[in-house]
PDB file of N, CA and C in Angstrom:
ATOM      1  N   MET A   1     -24.615  21.001  13.987  1.00  0.00           N
ATOM      2  CA  MET A   1     -24.839  22.379  13.603  1.00  0.00           C
ATOM      3  C   MET A   1     -23.554  23.189  13.752  1.00  0.00           C
ATOM      4  N   ALA A   2     -22.773  22.943  14.790  1.00  0.00           N
ATOM      5  CA  ALA A   2     -21.542  23.700  14.993  1.00  0.00           C
ATOM      6  C   ALA A   2     -20.593  23.534  13.816  1.00  0.00           C
ATOM      7  N   GLN A   3     -20.533  22.334  13.283  1.00  0.00           N
ATOM      8  CA  GLN A   3     -19.617  22.090  12.182  1.00  0.00           C
ATOM      9  C   GLN A   3     -20.035  22.849  10.930  1.00  0.00           C
ATOM     10  N   SER A   4     -21.324  23.014  10.696  1.00  0.00           N
ATOM     11  CA  SER A   4     -21.767  23.693   9.490  1.00  0.00           C
ATOM     12  C   SER A   4     -21.608  25.199   9.566  1.00  0.00           C
ATOM     13  N   TRP A   5     -21.555  25.767  10.754  1.00  0.00           N
ATOM     14  CA  TRP A   5     -21.440  27.223  10.884  1.00  0.00           C
ATOM     15  C   TRP A   5     -20.038  27.672  11.237  1.00  0.00           C
ATOM     16  N   GLY A   6     -19.201  26.823  11.768  1.00  0.00           N
ATOM     17  CA  GLY A   6     -17.841  27.208  12.102  1.00  0.00           C
ATOM     18  C   GLY A   6     -17.775  27.966  13.412  1.00  0.00           C
ATOM     19  N   GLY A   7     -16.603  28.451  13.730  1.00  0.00           N
ATOM     20  CA  GLY A   7     -16.417  29.139  15.006  1.00  0.00           C
ATOM     21  C   GLY A   7     -15.764  30.488  14.835  1.00  0.00           C
ATOM     22  N   ALA A   8     -15.628  31.174  15.918  1.00  0.00           N
ATOM     23  CA  ALA A   8     -15.029  32.499  15.903  1.00  0.00           C
ATOM     24  C   ALA A   8     -13.531  32.400  16.146  1.00  0.00           C
ATOM     25  N   LEU A   9     -12.805  33.387  15.629  1.00  0.00           N
ATOM     26  CA  LEU A   9     -11.371  33.451  15.871  1.00  0.00           C
ATOM     27  C   LEU A   9     -11.100  34.260  17.124  1.00  0.00           C
ATOM     28  N   LEU A  10     -10.117  33.841  17.875  1.00  0.00           N
ATOM     29  CA  LEU A  10      -9.742  34.587  19.066  1.00  0.00           C
ATOM     30  C   LEU A  10      -8.951  35.824  18.664  1.00  0.00           C
ATOM     31  N   PRO A  11      -9.119  36.942  19.378  1.00  0.00           N
ATOM     32  CA  PRO A  11      -8.434  38.184  19.004  1.00  0.00           C
ATOM     33  C   PRO A  11      -6.916  38.056  18.917  1.00  0.00           C
ATOM     34  N   ASP A  12      -6.291  37.265  19.799  1.00  0.00           N
ATOM     35  CA  ASP A  12      -4.833  37.160  19.763  1.00  0.00           C
ATOM     36  C   ASP A  12      -4.326  36.418  18.532  1.00  0.00           C
ATOM     37  N   HIS A  13      -5.200  35.716  17.805  1.00  0.00           N
ATOM     38  CA  HIS A  13      -4.813  35.040  16.565  1.00  0.00           C
ATOM     39  C   HIS A  13      -4.893  35.977  15.370  1.00  0.00           C
ATOM     40  N   THR A  14      -5.482  37.129  15.538  1.00  0.00           N
ATOM     41  CA  THR A  14      -5.760  37.992  14.393  1.00  0.00           C
ATOM     42  C   THR A  14      -4.955  39.275  14.397  1.00  0.00           C
ATOM     43  N   ARG A  15      -4.078  39.490  15.340  1.00  0.00           N
ATOM     44  CA  ARG A  15      -3.367  40.758  15.461  1.00  0.00           C
ATOM     45  C   ARG A  15      -2.145  40.872  14.560  1.00  0.00           C
ATOM     46  N   SER A  16      -1.807  39.846  13.819  1.00  0.00           N
ATOM     47  CA  SER A  16      -0.623  39.902  12.973  1.00  0.00           C
ATOM     48  C   SER A  16      -0.944  40.348  11.553  1.00  0.00           C
ATOM     49  N   ASN A  17      -2.049  41.023  11.351  1.00  0.00           N
ATOM     50  CA  ASN A  17      -2.447  41.499  10.033  1.00  0.00           C
ATOM     51  C   ASN A  17      -1.515  42.627   9.580  1.00  0.00           C
ATOM     52  N   PRO A  18      -0.702  42.411   8.548  1.00  0.00           N
ATOM     53  CA  PRO A  18       0.219  43.448   8.109  1.00  0.00           C
ATOM     54  C   PRO A  18      -0.445  44.537   7.273  1.00  0.00           C
ATOM     55  N   ILE A  19      -1.678  44.306   6.828  1.00  0.00           N
ATOM     56  CA  ILE A  19      -2.338  45.243   5.916  1.00  0.00           C
ATOM     57  C   ILE A  19      -2.965  46.409   6.659  1.00  0.00           C
ATOM     58  N   ASP A  20      -3.829  46.119   7.584  1.00  0.00           N
ATOM     59  CA  ASP A  20      -4.598  47.167   8.252  1.00  0.00           C
ATOM     60  C   ASP A  20      -5.060  46.622   9.596  1.00  0.00           C
ATOM     61  N   LYS A  21      -4.839  47.364  10.659  1.00  0.00           N
ATOM     62  CA  LYS A  21      -5.209  46.898  11.998  1.00  0.00           C
ATOM     63  C   LYS A  21      -6.719  46.963  12.248  1.00  0.00           C
ATOM     64  N   SER A  22      -7.513  47.496  11.303  1.00  0.00           N
ATOM     65  CA  SER A  22      -8.962  47.548  11.501  1.00  0.00           C
ATOM     66  C   SER A  22      -9.656  46.312  10.935  1.00  0.00           C
ATOM     67  N   THR A  23      -8.882  45.404  10.346  1.00  0.00           N
ATOM     68  CA  THR A  23      -9.470  44.179   9.800  1.00  0.00           C
ATOM     69  C   THR A  23      -8.889  42.971  10.503  1.00  0.00           C
ATOM     70  N   ASP A  24      -9.625  41.893  10.494  1.00  0.00           N
ATOM     71  CA  ASP A  24      -9.203  40.629  11.077  1.00  0.00           C
ATOM     72  C   ASP A  24      -9.557  39.512  10.103  1.00  0.00           C
ATOM     73  N   PRO A  25      -8.799  38.402  10.089  1.00  0.00           N
ATOM     74  CA  PRO A  25      -9.177  37.291   9.220  1.00  0.00           C
ATOM     75  C   PRO A  25     -10.418  36.606   9.786  1.00  0.00           C
ATOM     76  N   LYS A  26     -11.394  36.417   8.966  1.00  0.00           N
ATOM     77  CA  LYS A  26     -12.652  35.789   9.387  1.00  0.00           C
ATOM     78  C   LYS A  26     -13.102  34.823   8.302  1.00  0.00           C
ATOM     79  N   ARG A  27     -13.986  33.936   8.683  1.00  0.00           N
ATOM     80  CA  ARG A  27     -14.592  33.024   7.715  1.00  0.00           C
ATOM     81  C   ARG A  27     -15.676  33.741   6.939  1.00  0.00           C
ATOM     82  N   LEU A  28     -15.891  33.285   5.713  1.00  0.00           N
ATOM     83  CA  LEU A  28     -17.003  33.793   4.932  1.00  0.00           C
ATOM     84  C   LEU A  28     -18.303  33.371   5.607  1.00  0.00           C
ATOM     85  N   ALA A  29     -19.284  34.229   5.610  1.00  0.00           N
ATOM     86  CA  ALA A  29     -20.572  33.918   6.230  1.00  0.00           C
ATOM     87  C   ALA A  29     -21.428  33.097   5.274  1.00  0.00           C
ATOM     88  N   ARG A  30     -22.284  32.283   5.830  1.00  0.00           N
ATOM     89  CA  ARG A  30     -23.248  31.540   5.023  1.00  0.00           C
ATOM     90  C   ARG A  30     -24.620  32.150   5.220  1.00  0.00           C
ATOM     91  N   ARG A  31     -25.411  32.095   4.178  1.00  0.00           N
ATOM     92  CA  ARG A  31     -26.769  32.607   4.271  1.00  0.00           C
ATOM     93  C   ARG A  31     -27.607  31.677   5.153  1.00  0.00           C
ATOM     94  N   PHE A  32     -28.510  32.273   5.925  1.00  0.00           N
ATOM     95  CA  PHE A  32     -29.455  31.460   6.678  1.00  0.00           C
ATOM     96  C   PHE A  32     -30.439  30.851   5.697  1.00  0.00           C
ATOM     97  N   ASN A  33     -30.823  29.622   5.939  1.00  0.00           N
ATOM     98  CA  ASN A  33     -31.841  29.048   5.070  1.00  0.00           C
ATOM     99  C   ASN A  33     -33.066  28.690   5.909  1.00  0.00           C
ATOM    100  N   ALA A  34     -34.184  28.591   5.263  1.00  0.00           N
ATOM    101  CA  ALA A  34     -35.455  28.362   5.950  1.00  0.00           C
ATOM    102  C   ALA A  34     -35.463  27.028   6.697  1.00  0.00           C
ATOM    103  N   CYS A  35     -34.792  26.034   6.157  1.00  0.00           N
ATOM    104  CA  CYS A  35     -34.784  24.711   6.779  1.00  0.00           C
ATOM    105  C   CYS A  35     -34.107  24.746   8.149  1.00  0.00           C
ATOM    106  N   SER A  36     -32.915  25.326   8.236  1.00  0.00           N
ATOM    107  CA  SER A  36     -32.223  25.349   9.522  1.00  0.00           C
ATOM    108  C   SER A  36     -32.933  26.260  10.514  1.00  0.00           C
ATOM    109  N   SER A  37     -33.525  27.327  10.030  1.00  0.00           N
ATOM    110  CA  SER A  37     -34.283  28.226  10.899  1.00  0.00           C
ATOM    111  C   SER A  37     -35.498  27.502  11.484  1.00  0.00           C
ATOM    112  N   GLU A  38     -36.174  26.733  10.668  1.00  0.00           N
ATOM    113  CA  GLU A  38     -37.345  25.977  11.128  1.00  0.00           C
ATOM    114  C   GLU A  38     -36.925  24.892  12.115  1.00  0.00           C
ATOM    115  N   LYS A  39     -35.790  24.242  11.879  1.00  0.00           N
ATOM    116  CA  LYS A  39     -35.303  23.208  12.802  1.00  0.00           C
ATOM    117  C   LYS A  39     -35.000  23.800  14.172  1.00  0.00           C
ATOM    118  N   ARG A  40     -34.379  24.975  14.201  1.00  0.00           N
ATOM    119  CA  ARG A  40     -34.079  25.626  15.473  1.00  0.00           C
ATOM    120  C   ARG A  40     -35.357  25.997  16.206  1.00  0.00           C
ATOM    121  N   SER A  41     -36.319  26.522  15.476  1.00  0.00           N
ATOM    122  CA  SER A  41     -37.592  26.910  16.072  1.00  0.00           C
ATOM    123  C   SER A  41     -38.314  25.697  16.649  1.00  0.00           C
ATOM    124  N   LEU A  42     -38.323  24.596  15.916  1.00  0.00           N
ATOM    125  CA  LEU A  42     -38.959  23.365  16.374  1.00  0.00           C
ATOM    126  C   LEU A  42     -38.265  22.843  17.633  1.00  0.00           C
ATOM    127  N   TRP A  43     -36.923  22.877  17.645  1.00  0.00           N
ATOM    128  CA  TRP A  43     -36.155  22.428  18.805  1.00  0.00           C
ATOM    129  C   TRP A  43     -36.513  23.258  20.033  1.00  0.00           C
ATOM    130  N   CYS A  44     -36.619  24.571  19.871  1.00  0.00           N
ATOM    131  CA  CYS A  44     -36.962  25.459  20.992  1.00  0.00           C
ATOM    132  C   CYS A  44     -38.366  25.177  21.531  1.00  0.00           C
ATOM    133  N   ARG A  45     -39.318  25.002  20.627  1.00  0.00           N
ATOM    134  CA  ARG A  45     -40.690  24.725  21.072  1.00  0.00           C
ATOM    135  C   ARG A  45     -40.784  23.384  21.778  1.00  0.00           C
ATOM    136  N   LYS A  46     -40.023  22.401  21.298  1.00  0.00           N
ATOM    137  CA  LYS A  46     -40.052  21.060  21.882  1.00  0.00           C
ATOM    138  C   LYS A  46     -39.512  21.068  23.316  1.00  0.00           C
ATOM    139  N   LEU A  47     -38.508  21.899  23.579  1.00  0.00           N
ATOM    140  CA  LEU A  47     -37.830  21.860  24.872  1.00  0.00           C
ATOM    141  C   LEU A  47     -38.176  23.032  25.784  1.00  0.00           C
ATOM    142  N   ARG A  48     -39.144  23.822  25.441  1.00  0.00           N
ATOM    143  CA  ARG A  48     -39.440  25.021  26.241  1.00  0.00           C
ATOM    144  C   ARG A  48     -39.934  24.710  27.655  1.00  0.00           C
ATOM    145  N   ASN A  49     -40.431  23.513  27.906  1.00  0.00           N
ATOM    146  CA  ASN A  49     -40.935  23.154  29.229  1.00  0.00           C
ATOM    147  C   ASN A  49     -39.961  22.299  30.043  1.00  0.00           C
ATOM    148  N   TRP A  50     -38.726  22.219  29.600  1.00  0.00           N
ATOM    149  CA  TRP A  50     -37.735  21.442  30.342  1.00  0.00           C
ATOM    150  C   TRP A  50     -37.484  22.069  31.708  1.00  0.00           C
ATOM    151  N   ARG A  51     -37.160  21.229  32.678  1.00  0.00           N
ATOM    152  CA  ARG A  51     -36.839  21.689  34.027  1.00  0.00           C
ATOM    153  C   ARG A  51     -35.332  21.924  34.144  1.00  0.00           C
ATOM    154  N   ASP A  52     -34.925  22.574  35.250  1.00  0.00           N
ATOM    155  CA  ASP A  52     -33.515  22.901  35.464  1.00  0.00           C
ATOM    156  C   ASP A  52     -32.624  21.666  35.437  1.00  0.00           C
ATOM    157  N   ASN A  53     -33.088  20.552  36.027  1.00  0.00           N
ATOM    158  CA  ASN A  53     -32.252  19.349  36.057  1.00  0.00           C
ATOM    159  C   ASN A  53     -32.049  18.768  34.658  1.00  0.00           C
ATOM    160  N   GLU A  54     -33.012  18.969  33.762  1.00  0.00           N
ATOM    161  CA  GLU A  54     -32.853  18.497  32.382  1.00  0.00           C
ATOM    162  C   GLU A  54     -31.857  19.376  31.620  1.00  0.00           C
ATOM    163  N   TRP A  55     -31.949  20.690  31.809  1.00  0.00           N
ATOM    164  CA  TRP A  55     -31.015  21.609  31.142  1.00  0.00           C
ATOM    165  C   TRP A  55     -29.603  21.440  31.683  1.00  0.00           C
ATOM    166  N   GLY A  56     -29.462  20.926  32.898  1.00  0.00           N
ATOM    167  CA  GLY A  56     -28.147  20.721  33.481  1.00  0.00           C
ATOM    168  C   GLY A  56     -27.318  19.678  32.753  1.00  0.00           C
ATOM    169  N   ARG A  57     -27.953  18.847  31.953  1.00  0.00           N
ATOM    170  CA  ARG A  57     -27.232  17.822  31.185  1.00  0.00           C
ATOM    171  C   ARG A  57     -26.863  18.277  29.781  1.00  0.00           C
ATOM    172  N   VAL A  58     -27.176  19.517  29.430  1.00  0.00           N
ATOM    173  CA  VAL A  58     -26.935  20.032  28.087  1.00  0.00           C
ATOM    174  C   VAL A  58     -25.643  20.849  28.066  1.00  0.00           C
ATOM    175  N   LEU A  59     -24.815  20.618  27.068  1.00  0.00           N
ATOM    176  CA  LEU A  59     -23.588  21.384  26.886  1.00  0.00           C
ATOM    177  C   LEU A  59     -23.824  22.399  25.775  1.00  0.00           C
ATOM    178  N   PHE A  60     -23.817  23.679  26.129  1.00  0.00           N
ATOM    179  CA  PHE A  60     -23.964  24.731  25.131  1.00  0.00           C
ATOM    180  C   PHE A  60     -22.585  25.157  24.666  1.00  0.00           C
ATOM    181  N   THR A  61     -22.369  25.146  23.362  1.00  0.00           N
ATOM    182  CA  THR A  61     -21.065  25.511  22.817  1.00  0.00           C
ATOM    183  C   THR A  61     -21.122  26.783  21.996  1.00  0.00           C
ATOM    184  N   ASP A  62     -22.248  27.461  21.956  1.00  0.00           N
ATOM    185  CA  ASP A  62     -22.409  28.686  21.182  1.00  0.00           C
ATOM    186  C   ASP A  62     -22.050  28.451  19.724  1.00  0.00           C
ATOM    187  N   GLU A  63     -22.274  27.245  19.259  1.00  0.00           N
ATOM    188  CA  GLU A  63     -22.006  26.842  17.891  1.00  0.00           C
ATOM    189  C   GLU A  63     -20.561  27.042  17.477  1.00  0.00           C
ATOM    190  N   SER A  64     -19.663  27.104  18.437  1.00  0.00           N
ATOM    191  CA  SER A  64     -18.251  27.228  18.115  1.00  0.00           C
ATOM    192  C   SER A  64     -17.711  25.873  17.679  1.00  0.00           C
ATOM    193  N   ARG A  65     -16.698  25.928  16.878  1.00  0.00           N
ATOM    194  CA  ARG A  65     -16.085  24.711  16.373  1.00  0.00           C
ATOM    195  C   ARG A  65     -14.823  24.429  17.168  1.00  0.00           C
ATOM    196  N   PHE A  66     -14.653  23.210  17.638  1.00  0.00           N
ATOM    197  CA  PHE A  66     -13.475  22.831  18.394  1.00  0.00           C
ATOM    198  C   PHE A  66     -12.653  21.855  17.567  1.00  0.00           C
ATOM    199  N   SER A  67     -11.359  22.075  17.520  1.00  0.00           N
ATOM    200  CA  SER A  67     -10.494  21.224  16.712  1.00  0.00           C
ATOM    201  C   SER A  67      -9.210  20.936  17.475  1.00  0.00           C
ATOM    202  N   LEU A  68      -8.747  19.701  17.406  1.00  0.00           N
ATOM    203  CA  LEU A  68      -7.495  19.325  18.043  1.00  0.00           C
ATOM    204  C   LEU A  68      -6.306  19.518  17.112  1.00  0.00           C
ATOM    205  N   SER A  69      -6.564  19.683  15.829  1.00  0.00           N
ATOM    206  CA  SER A  69      -5.474  19.901  14.881  1.00  0.00           C
ATOM    207  C   SER A  69      -5.320  21.391  14.589  1.00  0.00           C
ATOM    208  N   SER A  70      -4.169  21.765  14.056  1.00  0.00           N
ATOM    209  CA  SER A  70      -3.902  23.181  13.816  1.00  0.00           C
ATOM    210  C   SER A  70      -4.525  23.690  12.522  1.00  0.00           C
ATOM    211  N   ASP A  71      -4.760  22.827  11.548  1.00  0.00           N
ATOM    212  CA  ASP A  71      -5.315  23.250  10.265  1.00  0.00           C
ATOM    213  C   ASP A  71      -6.780  22.860  10.193  1.00  0.00           C
ATOM    214  N   SER A  72      -7.648  23.836  10.126  1.00  0.00           N
ATOM    215  CA  SER A  72      -9.083  23.554  10.123  1.00  0.00           C
ATOM    216  C   SER A  72      -9.649  23.438   8.715  1.00  0.00           C
ATOM    217  N   HIS A  73      -8.845  23.667   7.678  1.00  0.00           N
ATOM    218  CA  HIS A  73      -9.285  23.593   6.279  1.00  0.00           C
ATOM    219  C   HIS A  73     -10.444  24.553   5.998  1.00  0.00           C
ATOM    220  N   ARG A  74     -10.470  25.672   6.690  1.00  0.00           N
ATOM    221  CA  ARG A  74     -11.501  26.680   6.495  1.00  0.00           C
ATOM    222  C   ARG A  74     -10.960  27.820   5.653  1.00  0.00           C
ATOM    223  N   ILE A  75     -11.828  28.440   4.867  1.00  0.00           N
ATOM    224  CA  ILE A  75     -11.447  29.606   4.076  1.00  0.00           C
ATOM    225  C   ILE A  75     -11.590  30.840   4.951  1.00  0.00           C
ATOM    226  N   LEU A  76     -10.498  31.601   5.101  1.00  0.00           N
ATOM    227  CA  LEU A  76     -10.536  32.830   5.878  1.00  0.00           C
ATOM    228  C   LEU A  76     -10.409  34.023   4.938  1.00  0.00           C
ATOM    229  N   ILE A  77     -11.057  35.104   5.284  1.00  0.00           N
ATOM    230  CA  ILE A  77     -10.946  36.337   4.516  1.00  0.00           C
ATOM    231  C   ILE A  77     -10.614  37.474   5.480  1.00  0.00           C
ATOM    232  N   TRP A  78     -10.041  38.559   4.953  1.00  0.00           N
ATOM    233  CA  TRP A  78      -9.800  39.757   5.755  1.00  0.00           C
ATOM    234  C   TRP A  78     -10.998  40.657   5.564  1.00  0.00           C
ATOM    235  N   ARG A  79     -11.674  40.990   6.656  1.00  0.00           N
ATOM    236  CA  ARG A  79     -12.833  41.868   6.577  1.00  0.00           C
ATOM    237  C   ARG A  79     -12.875  42.769   7.790  1.00  0.00           C
ATOM    238  N   GLU A  80     -13.563  43.883   7.634  1.00  0.00           N
ATOM    239  CA  GLU A  80     -13.708  44.812   8.741  1.00  0.00           C
ATOM    240  C   GLU A  80     -14.719  44.284   9.742  1.00  0.00           C
ATOM    241  N   ARG A  81     -14.527  44.628  10.991  1.00  0.00           N
ATOM    242  CA  ARG A  81     -15.454  44.248  12.039  1.00  0.00           C
ATOM    243  C   ARG A  81     -16.847  44.813  11.705  1.00  0.00           C
ATOM    244  N   GLY A  82     -17.870  44.001  11.889  1.00  0.00           N
ATOM    245  CA  GLY A  82     -19.240  44.416  11.636  1.00  0.00           C
ATOM    246  C   GLY A  82     -19.685  44.248  10.193  1.00  0.00           C
ATOM    247  N   SER A  83     -18.845  43.659   9.343  1.00  0.00           N
ATOM    248  CA  SER A  83     -19.220  43.501   7.930  1.00  0.00           C
ATOM    249  C   SER A  83     -19.472  42.038   7.570  1.00  0.00           C
ATOM    250  N   ARG A  84     -19.795  41.213   8.562  1.00  0.00           N
ATOM    251  CA  ARG A  84     -19.979  39.775   8.341  1.00  0.00           C
ATOM    252  C   ARG A  84     -21.006  39.464   7.259  1.00  0.00           C
ATOM    253  N   ASN A  85     -22.128  40.140   7.258  1.00  0.00           N
ATOM    254  CA  ASN A  85     -23.200  39.812   6.318  1.00  0.00           C
ATOM    255  C   ASN A  85     -23.203  40.677   5.076  1.00  0.00           C
ATOM    256  N   HIS A  86     -22.115  41.376   4.796  1.00  0.00           N
ATOM    257  CA  HIS A  86     -22.005  42.142   3.562  1.00  0.00           C
ATOM    258  C   HIS A  86     -21.944  41.136   2.404  1.00  0.00           C
ATOM    259  N   PRO A  87     -22.630  41.404   1.288  1.00  0.00           N
ATOM    260  CA  PRO A  87     -22.678  40.433   0.191  1.00  0.00           C
ATOM    261  C   PRO A  87     -21.309  39.944  -0.300  1.00  0.00           C
ATOM    262  N   SER A  88     -20.289  40.783  -0.236  1.00  0.00           N
ATOM    263  CA  SER A  88     -18.968  40.346  -0.700  1.00  0.00           C
ATOM    264  C   SER A  88     -18.323  39.331   0.247  1.00  0.00           C
ATOM    265  N   ASN A  89     -18.861  39.169   1.449  1.00  0.00           N
ATOM    266  CA  ASN A  89     -18.306  38.236   2.432  1.00  0.00           C
ATOM    267  C   ASN A  89     -19.128  36.964   2.567  1.00  0.00           C
ATOM    268  N   ILE A  90     -20.070  36.725   1.676  1.00  0.00           N
ATOM    269  CA  ILE A  90     -20.974  35.582   1.794  1.00  0.00           C
ATOM    270  C   ILE A  90     -20.818  34.670   0.587  1.00  0.00           C
ATOM    271  N   ILE A  91     -20.756  33.372   0.854  1.00  0.00           N
ATOM    272  CA  ILE A  91     -20.769  32.383  -0.224  1.00  0.00           C
ATOM    273  C   ILE A  91     -21.935  31.436   0.011  1.00  0.00           C
ATOM    274  N   GLU A  92     -22.485  30.906  -1.058  1.00  0.00           N
ATOM    275  CA  GLU A  92     -23.562  29.915  -0.936  1.00  0.00           C
ATOM    276  C   GLU A  92     -22.998  28.570  -1.331  1.00  0.00           C
ATOM    277  N   ARG A  93     -23.367  27.562  -0.569  1.00  0.00           N
ATOM    278  CA  ARG A  93     -22.925  26.192  -0.880  1.00  0.00           C
ATOM    279  C   ARG A  93     -24.096  25.295  -1.060  1.00  0.00           C
TER     280      ARG A  93
END
């Protein structure tokens, strides 16, 4: 799931914007689809009765993407903060 949604950019990577300091380079957002929403809901219902020792073996990554290489081959756009789901910032694949 992390790979399909991508990760967030760190603020220190985005401060070199020569155009406008109110925008940062960000990835285009993807629309939520019913299938992934249903999968998440099913996963939550399945594990809602887990005990603390079971959750202790789970690594939560907040769906961030981790990469050892410098080029992630991701499309970045310049957008204002809080405009992630604006139609001009969304692509469907």
